[in-house]
Amino acid sequence: MDAQQLMDQQLKEQIAAQNIRLGTFEQEQKANNVLLVKLDTKFDFMALSIKTLTEVMNDKFTKFEIRVADLERIRDQVNPPKVVATVEAHDRFIEDFKSTHKERNMIIGQVFAAIAFLISVGGFIFSLIRG
């Protein structure tokens, strides 16, 4: 082989190697493009999800603010100090009633016991007198 053919052979090998590298580069570039498309799609989905989440949270916050405003309005209409005083007065009345009821039942029980005792003693005395 002469020098020219040797150089042509080396040049062909270098061109083949460059073509292989170029093919590999093109494959990597295609793979990167596919990856970029996938990432773009995922980012679009995430942006849509964040937008939807923001809308939902804004709606929930609006509803919550309305509920709080309603509760504050009701609280102002009810006048809590007056309600607390009324409830405490009712509680005292119930406790007083319970204790009065117990005392009354105890007194009634004692009166009936005394009447029963007097009737039994009267019956015993009556039986002694009769005979």
Foldseek 3Di string as FASTA:
>chain_A
DDPVVVVVVVVVVVVVVVVVVVVVVVVVVVVVVVVVVVVVVVVVVVVVVVVVVVVVVVVVVVVVVVVVVVVVVVCVVVPVVVVVVVVVVVVVVVVVVVVVVVVVVVVVVVVVVVVVVVVVVVVVVVVVVVD
